[in-house]
Amino acid sequence: MKKTFAALAGLVLLASCANEEKKGNLEISGNIKGLKKGTLYLKQLQDTLLVDIDTIAIDGDSNFKTAVNIAEPEMLYLFLDRGKTASVDNSLPFFAEPGKMVIDTDLETYYAKAKITGSENHKFLEEYNKVKSRYVNQELEIKVKDMEASIRNITLPETEIAKYENILKKRYLYTANFALTHKDHEIAPYLVIAETPNLGLGFMKQIIDAMSPKVAQSKYGKLLKQLYDERLKTEMPVASN
């Protein structure tokens, strides 16, 4: 009888622990419409590797809720393991901030149709991506022409090459101006690092000098300064004696 009671008590304790609500300064809730069974993995980039910081099991209810601690605003990635269904559309990057965030999407268009709220940095990221996509599409059109020319064993016309370089330059300038406009948010240094690491040193220095002290001391602010200093060593013209 005592053994039976002890076993029951153990099961109750395990159930209690399993239902215990997770705590952290970042609360994430949402819904993945159409998902009946699967696993969500919340990942964080540590050095050069994506590391799991939380796991969420979905079994019958497509709603989910979790909480983790993050030191500051940064990019996180919500990976979906669909179980039996294989898909390349299984990674959802988002710019997380301490507070409450909501991620609503569906199984068929997990990344493409995701609606993410609760983060000002992510709102700016979506704003940036809308304009960036126009430049990327224009670049892609010329890349396709270049591939077709290679297949036909001919050279892409100089006018198309010049057009491509001009589009690329415009995208870089857009990124630099966007970063300067949002210099008080962590999105500014992140975009320079992720989208235009070869941005001219003059523009990069201008962005670094414009960042608020808080952003300058952030993860991405420090990484941008590090990138600038490393490039400066090799790209700075050597002064003559």
C-alpha atoms as a PDB file:
ATOM      1  CA  MET A   1       0.000   0.000   0.000  1.00  0.00           C
ATOM      2  CA  LYS A   2       2.810   2.390   0.912  1.00  0.00           C
ATOM      3  CA  LYS A   3       4.602   1.610  -2.384  1.00  0.00           C
ATOM      4  CA  THR A   4       1.400   2.298  -4.349  1.00  0.00           C
ATOM      5  CA  PHE A   5       0.897   5.604  -2.529  1.00  0.00           C
ATOM      6  CA  ALA A   6       4.513   6.596  -3.184  1.00  0.00           C
ATOM      7  CA  ALA A   7       4.157   5.764  -6.873  1.00  0.00           C
ATOM      8  CA  LEU A   8       0.968   7.825  -7.139  1.00  0.00           C
ATOM      9  CA  ALA A   9       2.629  10.725  -5.343  1.00  0.00           C
ATOM     10  CA  GLY A  10       5.530  10.549  -7.786  1.00  0.00           C
ATOM     11  CA  LEU A  11       3.163  10.686 -10.768  1.00  0.00           C
ATOM     12  CA  VAL A  12       1.373  13.701  -9.318  1.00  0.00           C
ATOM     13  CA  LEU A  13       4.713  15.437  -8.791  1.00  0.00           C
ATOM     14  CA  LEU A  14       5.798  14.724 -12.368  1.00  0.00           C
ATOM     15  CA  ALA A  15       2.494  16.013 -13.732  1.00  0.00           C
ATOM     16  CA  SER A  16       2.838  19.138 -11.633  1.00  0.00           C
ATOM     17  CA  CYS A  17       6.343  19.786 -12.982  1.00  0.00           C
ATOM     18  CA  ALA A  18       5.222  19.162 -16.561  1.00  0.00           C
ATOM     19  CA  ASN A  19       2.397  21.700 -16.216  1.00  0.00           C
ATOM     20  CA  GLU A  20       4.540  24.271 -14.469  1.00  0.00           C
ATOM     21  CA  GLU A  21       4.473  27.502 -16.438  1.00  0.00           C
ATOM     22  CA  LYS A  22       7.821  28.573 -17.827  1.00  0.00           C
ATOM     23  CA  LYS A  23       9.173  31.913 -16.663  1.00  0.00           C
ATOM     24  CA  GLY A  24      11.429  34.464 -18.323  1.00  0.00           C
ATOM     25  CA  ASN A  25      11.618  38.082 -19.412  1.00  0.00           C
ATOM     26  CA  LEU A  26      10.457  37.136 -22.932  1.00  0.00           C
ATOM     27  CA  GLU A  27       7.017  35.538 -23.159  1.00  0.00           C
ATOM     28  CA  ILE A  28       6.089  34.065 -26.551  1.00  0.00           C
ATOM     29  CA  SER A  29       2.611  32.830 -27.413  1.00  0.00           C
ATOM     30  CA  GLY A  30       0.890  32.101 -30.666  1.00  0.00           C
ATOM     31  CA  ASN A  31      -0.845  29.690 -32.958  1.00  0.00           C
ATOM     32  CA  ILE A  32       0.247  27.529 -35.892  1.00  0.00           C
ATOM     33  CA  LYS A  33      -2.998  26.911 -37.727  1.00  0.00           C
ATOM     34  CA  GLY A  34      -3.266  23.395 -39.089  1.00  0.00           C
ATOM     35  CA  LEU A  35      -0.510  21.903 -36.943  1.00  0.00           C
ATOM     36  CA  LYS A  36      -1.820  18.909 -35.015  1.00  0.00           C
ATOM     37  CA  LYS A  37       1.434  17.334 -33.924  1.00  0.00           C
ATOM     38  CA  GLY A  38       5.034  18.519 -34.038  1.00  0.00           C
ATOM     39  CA  THR A  39       7.796  20.222 -32.112  1.00  0.00           C
ATOM     40  CA  LEU A  40       8.954  23.827 -32.011  1.00  0.00           C
ATOM     41  CA  TYR A  41      12.586  24.582 -31.241  1.00  0.00           C
ATOM     42  CA  LEU A  42      13.503  28.091 -30.148  1.00  0.00           C
ATOM     43  CA  LYS A  43      17.096  28.698 -31.198  1.00  0.00           C
ATOM     44  CA  GLN A  44      19.691  31.354 -30.499  1.00  0.00           C
ATOM     45  CA  LEU A  45      22.897  32.041 -32.413  1.00  0.00           C
ATOM     46  CA  GLN A  46      25.833  31.488 -30.060  1.00  0.00           C
ATOM     47  CA  ASP A  47      29.179  32.209 -31.724  1.00  0.00           C
ATOM     48  CA  THR A  48      28.520  30.580 -35.116  1.00  0.00           C
ATOM     49  CA  LEU A  49      26.094  27.841 -34.045  1.00  0.00           C
ATOM     50  CA  LEU A  50      22.329  27.820 -33.572  1.00  0.00           C
ATOM     51  CA  VAL A  51      21.651  26.411 -30.103  1.00  0.00           C
ATOM     52  CA  ASP A  52      18.293  25.253 -28.700  1.00  0.00           C
ATOM     53  CA  ILE A  53      17.169  27.406 -25.785  1.00  0.00           C
ATOM     54  CA  ASP A  54      13.656  25.960 -25.520  1.00  0.00           C
ATOM     55  CA  THR A  55      11.520  23.114 -26.881  1.00  0.00           C
ATOM     56  CA  ILE A  56       7.739  23.224 -27.271  1.00  0.00           C
ATOM     57  CA  ALA A  57       5.709  20.090 -28.015  1.00  0.00           C
ATOM     58  CA  ILE A  58       2.511  20.466 -30.056  1.00  0.00           C
ATOM     59  CA  ASP A  59       0.024  17.627 -29.622  1.00  0.00           C
ATOM     60  CA  GLY A  60      -3.567  18.301 -30.661  1.00  0.00           C
ATOM     61  CA  ASP A  61      -3.612  22.020 -29.806  1.00  0.00           C
ATOM     62  CA  SER A  62      -1.978  24.387 -32.289  1.00  0.00           C
ATOM     63  CA  ASN A  63      -1.735  27.140 -29.675  1.00  0.00           C
ATOM     64  CA  PHE A  64       1.544  27.439 -27.808  1.00  0.00           C
ATOM     65  CA  LYS A  65       3.081  29.507 -25.042  1.00  0.00           C
ATOM     66  CA  THR A  66       6.543  29.644 -23.531  1.00  0.00           C
ATOM     67  CA  ALA A  67       8.992  31.968 -21.811  1.00  0.00           C
ATOM     68  CA  VAL A  68      12.779  32.367 -21.829  1.00  0.00           C
ATOM     69  CA  ASN A  69      15.321  34.860 -20.585  1.00  0.00           C
ATOM     70  CA  ILE A  70      17.260  37.004 -23.052  1.00  0.00           C
ATOM     71  CA  ALA A  71      19.864  39.575 -22.075  1.00  0.00           C
ATOM     72  CA  GLU A  72      18.822  42.109 -24.729  1.00  0.00           C
ATOM     73  CA  PRO A  73      16.958  42.424 -28.039  1.00  0.00           C
ATOM     74  CA  GLU A  74      18.348  39.948 -30.564  1.00  0.00           C
ATOM     75  CA  MET A  75      17.458  37.668 -33.456  1.00  0.00           C
ATOM     76  CA  LEU A  76      15.958  34.319 -32.440  1.00  0.00           C
ATOM     77  CA  TYR A  77      14.764  31.470 -34.656  1.00  0.00           C
ATOM     78  CA  LEU A  78      11.638  29.362 -34.218  1.00  0.00           C
ATOM     79  CA  PHE A  79      12.208  26.055 -36.015  1.00  0.00           C
ATOM     80  CA  LEU A  80       9.312  23.718 -36.754  1.00  0.00           C
ATOM     81  CA  ASP A  81       9.729  19.942 -36.834  1.00  0.00           C
ATOM     82  CA  ARG A  82       6.613  18.823 -38.706  1.00  0.00           C
ATOM     83  CA  GLY A  83       7.178  15.165 -37.976  1.00  0.00           C
ATOM     84  CA  LYS A  84       6.144  13.233 -41.089  1.00  0.00           C
ATOM     85  CA  THR A  85       5.923  16.285 -43.371  1.00  0.00           C
ATOM     86  CA  ALA A  86       9.224  17.470 -44.816  1.00  0.00           C
ATOM     87  CA  SER A  87       9.509  21.125 -45.815  1.00  0.00           C
ATOM     88  CA  VAL A  88      12.210  23.713 -46.394  1.00  0.00           C
ATOM     89  CA  ASP A  89       9.851  26.343 -44.963  1.00  0.00           C
ATOM     90  CA  ASN A  90      10.584  25.428 -41.358  1.00  0.00           C
ATOM     91  CA  SER A  91      12.643  28.325 -39.978  1.00  0.00           C
ATOM     92  CA  LEU A  92      11.080  31.525 -38.685  1.00  0.00           C
ATOM     93  CA  PRO A  93      13.596  34.240 -37.732  1.00  0.00           C
ATOM     94  CA  PHE A  94      12.330  37.118 -35.608  1.00  0.00           C
ATOM     95  CA  PHE A  95      13.854  40.035 -33.716  1.00  0.00           C
ATOM     96  CA  ALA A  96      12.986  39.298 -30.109  1.00  0.00           C
ATOM     97  CA  GLU A  97      12.711  41.830 -27.306  1.00  0.00           C
ATOM     98  CA  PRO A  98      12.018  41.331 -23.586  1.00  0.00           C
ATOM     99  CA  GLY A  99       8.269  41.537 -23.038  1.00  0.00           C
ATOM    100  CA  LYS A 100       5.330  39.731 -24.609  1.00  0.00           C
ATOM    101  CA  MET A 101       5.444  38.647 -28.236  1.00  0.00           C
ATOM    102  CA  VAL A 102       2.812  36.890 -30.332  1.00  0.00           C
ATOM    103  CA  ILE A 103       3.584  34.702 -33.360  1.00  0.00           C
ATOM    104  CA  ASP A 104       0.650  33.588 -35.495  1.00  0.00           C
ATOM    105  CA  THR A 105       1.130  31.578 -38.682  1.00  0.00           C
ATOM    106  CA  ASP A 106      -0.052  28.376 -40.371  1.00  0.00           C
ATOM    107  CA  LEU A 107       1.379  25.039 -41.370  1.00  0.00           C
ATOM    108  CA  GLU A 108       1.337  25.655 -45.129  1.00  0.00           C
ATOM    109  CA  THR A 109       3.065  29.058 -45.106  1.00  0.00           C
ATOM    110  CA  TYR A 110       4.953  28.850 -41.842  1.00  0.00           C
ATOM    111  CA  TYR A 111       7.522  31.554 -42.663  1.00  0.00           C
ATOM    112  CA  ALA A 112       5.952  33.484 -45.520  1.00  0.00           C
ATOM    113  CA  LYS A 113       2.656  34.418 -43.832  1.00  0.00           C
ATOM    114  CA  ALA A 114       3.797  34.725 -40.215  1.00  0.00           C
ATOM    115  CA  LYS A 115       2.404  37.658 -38.252  1.00  0.00           C
ATOM    116  CA  ILE A 116       4.696  38.736 -35.419  1.00  0.00           C
ATOM    117  CA  THR A 117       3.872  41.454 -32.899  1.00  0.00           C
ATOM    118  CA  GLY A 118       5.291  42.747 -29.630  1.00  0.00           C
ATOM    119  CA  SER A 119       8.740  43.856 -30.800  1.00  0.00           C
ATOM    120  CA  GLU A 120       9.580  47.287 -32.162  1.00  0.00           C
ATOM    121  CA  ASN A 121      12.837  45.997 -33.637  1.00  0.00           C
ATOM    122  CA  HIS A 122      10.946  43.288 -35.523  1.00  0.00           C
ATOM    123  CA  LYS A 123       8.469  45.850 -36.842  1.00  0.00           C
ATOM    124  CA  PHE A 124      11.405  47.798 -38.288  1.00  0.00           C
ATOM    125  CA  LEU A 125      12.901  44.578 -39.690  1.00  0.00           C
ATOM    126  CA  GLU A 126       9.683  43.873 -41.614  1.00  0.00           C
ATOM    127  CA  GLU A 127       9.653  47.460 -42.889  1.00  0.00           C
ATOM    128  CA  TYR A 128      13.227  47.069 -44.120  1.00  0.00           C
ATOM    129  CA  ASN A 129      12.567  43.698 -45.763  1.00  0.00           C
ATOM    130  CA  LYS A 130       9.655  45.041 -47.822  1.00  0.00           C
ATOM    131  CA  VAL A 131      11.895  47.542 -49.605  1.00  0.00           C
ATOM    132  CA  LYS A 132      14.902  45.221 -49.690  1.00  0.00           C
ATOM    133  CA  SER A 133      12.876  42.550 -51.511  1.00  0.00           C
ATOM    134  CA  ARG A 134      12.370  44.902 -54.461  1.00  0.00           C
ATOM    135  CA  TYR A 135      16.128  45.319 -54.880  1.00  0.00           C
ATOM    136  CA  VAL A 136      16.732  41.586 -54.445  1.00  0.00           C
ATOM    137  CA  ASN A 137      14.130  40.747 -57.113  1.00  0.00           C
ATOM    138  CA  GLN A 138      15.785  43.158 -59.550  1.00  0.00           C
ATOM    139  CA  GLU A 139      19.188  41.629 -58.820  1.00  0.00           C
ATOM    140  CA  LEU A 140      17.749  38.136 -59.330  1.00  0.00           C
ATOM    141  CA  GLU A 141      16.380  39.055 -62.759  1.00  0.00           C
ATOM    142  CA  ILE A 142      19.862  40.024 -63.938  1.00  0.00           C
ATOM    143  CA  LYS A 143      21.417  36.927 -62.355  1.00  0.00           C
ATOM    144  CA  VAL A 144      18.975  34.784 -64.347  1.00  0.00           C
ATOM    145  CA  LYS A 145      19.993  36.615 -67.534  1.00  0.00           C
ATOM    146  CA  ASP A 146      23.646  35.983 -66.651  1.00  0.00           C
ATOM    147  CA  MET A 147      22.960  32.250 -66.212  1.00  0.00           C
ATOM    148  CA  GLU A 148      21.132  32.112 -69.530  1.00  0.00           C
ATOM    149  CA  ALA A 149      24.037  33.892 -71.206  1.00  0.00           C
ATOM    150  CA  SER A 150      26.493  31.390 -69.723  1.00  0.00           C
ATOM    151  CA  ILE A 151      24.419  28.482 -71.040  1.00  0.00           C
ATOM    152  CA  ARG A 152      24.514  30.036 -74.513  1.00  0.00           C
ATOM    153  CA  ASN A 153      28.250  30.639 -74.073  1.00  0.00           C
ATOM    154  CA  ILE A 154      27.915  34.403 -74.483  1.00  0.00           C
ATOM    155  CA  THR A 155      28.780  37.345 -72.244  1.00  0.00           C
ATOM    156  CA  LEU A 156      26.183  39.368 -70.396  1.00  0.00           C
ATOM    157  CA  PRO A 157      25.960  42.853 -71.983  1.00  0.00           C
ATOM    158  CA  GLU A 158      27.900  45.610 -70.172  1.00  0.00           C
ATOM    159  CA  THR A 159      24.653  47.557 -69.736  1.00  0.00           C
ATOM    160  CA  GLU A 160      23.198  44.689 -67.674  1.00  0.00           C
ATOM    161  CA  ILE A 161      26.354  44.430 -65.561  1.00  0.00           C
ATOM    162  CA  ALA A 162      26.257  48.187 -64.901  1.00  0.00           C
ATOM    163  CA  LYS A 163      22.557  47.920 -64.053  1.00  0.00           C
ATOM    164  CA  TYR A 164      23.267  45.140 -61.547  1.00  0.00           C
ATOM    165  CA  GLU A 165      26.041  47.122 -59.868  1.00  0.00           C
ATOM    166  CA  ASN A 166      23.761  50.161 -59.640  1.00  0.00           C
ATOM    167  CA  ILE A 167      20.968  48.145 -58.005  1.00  0.00           C
ATOM    168  CA  LEU A 168      23.451  46.654 -55.531  1.00  0.00           C
ATOM    169  CA  LYS A 169      24.758  50.126 -54.704  1.00  0.00           C
ATOM    170  CA  LYS A 170      21.215  51.376 -54.109  1.00  0.00           C
ATOM    171  CA  ARG A 171      20.498  48.460 -51.756  1.00  0.00           C
ATOM    172  CA  TYR A 172      23.649  49.198 -49.771  1.00  0.00           C
ATOM    173  CA  LEU A 173      22.774  52.899 -49.549  1.00  0.00           C
ATOM    174  CA  TYR A 174      19.232  52.057 -48.485  1.00  0.00           C
ATOM    175  CA  THR A 175      20.577  49.820 -45.705  1.00  0.00           C
ATOM    176  CA  ALA A 176      22.999  52.506 -44.506  1.00  0.00           C
ATOM    177  CA  ASN A 177      20.286  55.169 -44.458  1.00  0.00           C
ATOM    178  CA  PHE A 178      17.855  52.827 -42.711  1.00  0.00           C
ATOM    179  CA  ALA A 179      20.455  52.088 -40.042  1.00  0.00           C
ATOM    180  CA  LEU A 180      21.117  55.788 -39.508  1.00  0.00           C
ATOM    181  CA  THR A 181      17.391  56.507 -39.243  1.00  0.00           C
ATOM    182  CA  HIS A 182      16.987  53.746 -36.622  1.00  0.00           C
ATOM    183  CA  LYS A 183      20.258  54.391 -34.793  1.00  0.00           C
ATOM    184  CA  ASP A 184      18.515  54.114 -31.394  1.00  0.00           C
ATOM    185  CA  HIS A 185      17.483  50.503 -32.005  1.00  0.00           C
ATOM    186  CA  GLU A 186      19.471  47.272 -32.128  1.00  0.00           C
ATOM    187  CA  ILE A 187      18.154  46.634 -35.647  1.00  0.00           C
ATOM    188  CA  ALA A 188      20.620  49.266 -36.966  1.00  0.00           C
ATOM    189  CA  PRO A 189      23.922  47.451 -36.333  1.00  0.00           C
ATOM    190  CA  TYR A 190      22.309  44.074 -37.014  1.00  0.00           C
ATOM    191  CA  LEU A 191      21.266  45.044 -40.547  1.00  0.00           C
ATOM    192  CA  VAL A 192      24.719  46.347 -41.426  1.00  0.00           C
ATOM    193  CA  ILE A 193      26.336  43.112 -40.200  1.00  0.00           C
ATOM    194  CA  ALA A 194      23.776  40.762 -41.772  1.00  0.00           C
ATOM    195  CA  GLU A 195      23.009  42.574 -45.023  1.00  0.00           C
ATOM    196  CA  THR A 196      25.967  44.776 -45.939  1.00  0.00           C
ATOM    197  CA  PRO A 197      29.165  43.622 -44.176  1.00  0.00           C
ATOM    198  CA  ASN A 198      31.149  45.122 -47.094  1.00  0.00           C
ATOM    199  CA  LEU A 199      29.567  48.543 -46.691  1.00  0.00           C
ATOM    200  CA  GLY A 200      32.033  51.364 -47.234  1.00  0.00           C
ATOM    201  CA  LEU A 201      34.101  52.102 -44.141  1.00  0.00           C
ATOM    202  CA  GLY A 202      33.017  55.726 -44.211  1.00  0.00           C
ATOM    203  CA  PHE A 203      29.337  54.791 -44.014  1.00  0.00           C
ATOM    204  CA  MET A 204      30.067  52.153 -41.386  1.00  0.00           C
ATOM    205  CA  LYS A 205      31.932  54.661 -39.196  1.00  0.00           C
ATOM    206  CA  GLN A 206      29.086  57.139 -39.585  1.00  0.00           C
ATOM    207  CA  ILE A 207      26.584  54.553 -38.338  1.00  0.00           C
ATOM    208  CA  ILE A 208      28.818  53.536 -35.413  1.00  0.00           C
ATOM    209  CA  ASP A 209      29.253  57.158 -34.334  1.00  0.00           C
ATOM    210  CA  ALA A 210      25.495  57.798 -34.600  1.00  0.00           C
ATOM    211  CA  MET A 211      24.387  54.838 -32.453  1.00  0.00           C
ATOM    212  CA  SER A 212      23.046  55.595 -29.001  1.00  0.00           C
ATOM    213  CA  PRO A 213      25.241  54.445 -26.060  1.00  0.00           C
ATOM    214  CA  LYS A 214      22.759  51.630 -25.339  1.00  0.00           C
ATOM    215  CA  VAL A 215      22.871  50.319 -28.900  1.00  0.00           C
ATOM    216  CA  ALA A 216      26.654  50.752 -29.109  1.00  0.00           C
ATOM    217  CA  GLN A 217      27.018  48.483 -26.054  1.00  0.00           C
ATOM    218  CA  SER A 218      24.557  45.908 -27.370  1.00  0.00           C
ATOM    219  CA  LYS A 219      25.537  42.551 -28.862  1.00  0.00           C
ATOM    220  CA  TYR A 220      25.226  43.801 -32.439  1.00  0.00           C
ATOM    221  CA  GLY A 221      26.696  47.208 -31.660  1.00  0.00           C
ATOM    222  CA  LYS A 222      29.881  45.561 -30.365  1.00  0.00           C
ATOM    223  CA  LEU A 223      29.995  43.141 -33.312  1.00  0.00           C
ATOM    224  CA  LEU A 224      29.683  46.013 -35.798  1.00  0.00           C
ATOM    225  CA  LYS A 225      32.532  47.897 -34.114  1.00  0.00           C
ATOM    226  CA  GLN A 226      34.618  44.709 -34.171  1.00  0.00           C
ATOM    227  CA  LEU A 227      33.893  44.221 -37.887  1.00  0.00           C
ATOM    228  CA  TYR A 228      34.846  47.822 -38.585  1.00  0.00           C
ATOM    229  CA  ASP A 229      38.112  47.572 -36.647  1.00  0.00           C
ATOM    230  CA  GLU A 230      39.082  44.329 -38.412  1.00  0.00           C
ATOM    231  CA  ARG A 231      38.398  45.779 -41.858  1.00  0.00           C
ATOM    232  CA  LEU A 232      40.199  48.970 -40.952  1.00  0.00           C
ATOM    233  CA  LYS A 233      43.431  47.020 -40.388  1.00  0.00           C
ATOM    234  CA  THR A 234      43.481  45.674 -43.938  1.00  0.00           C
ATOM    235  CA  GLU A 235      41.648  48.361 -45.916  1.00  0.00           C
ATOM    236  CA  MET A 236      43.104  51.513 -44.360  1.00  0.00           C
ATOM    237  CA  PRO A 237      45.557  53.135 -46.809  1.00  0.00           C
ATOM    238  CA  VAL A 238      49.134  53.003 -45.540  1.00  0.00           C
ATOM    239  CA  ALA A 239      50.456  56.489 -44.908  1.00  0.00           C
ATOM    240  CA  SER A 240      53.770  57.269 -46.624  1.00  0.00           C
ATOM    241  CA  ASN A 241      56.748  58.475 -44.558  1.00  0.00           C
END
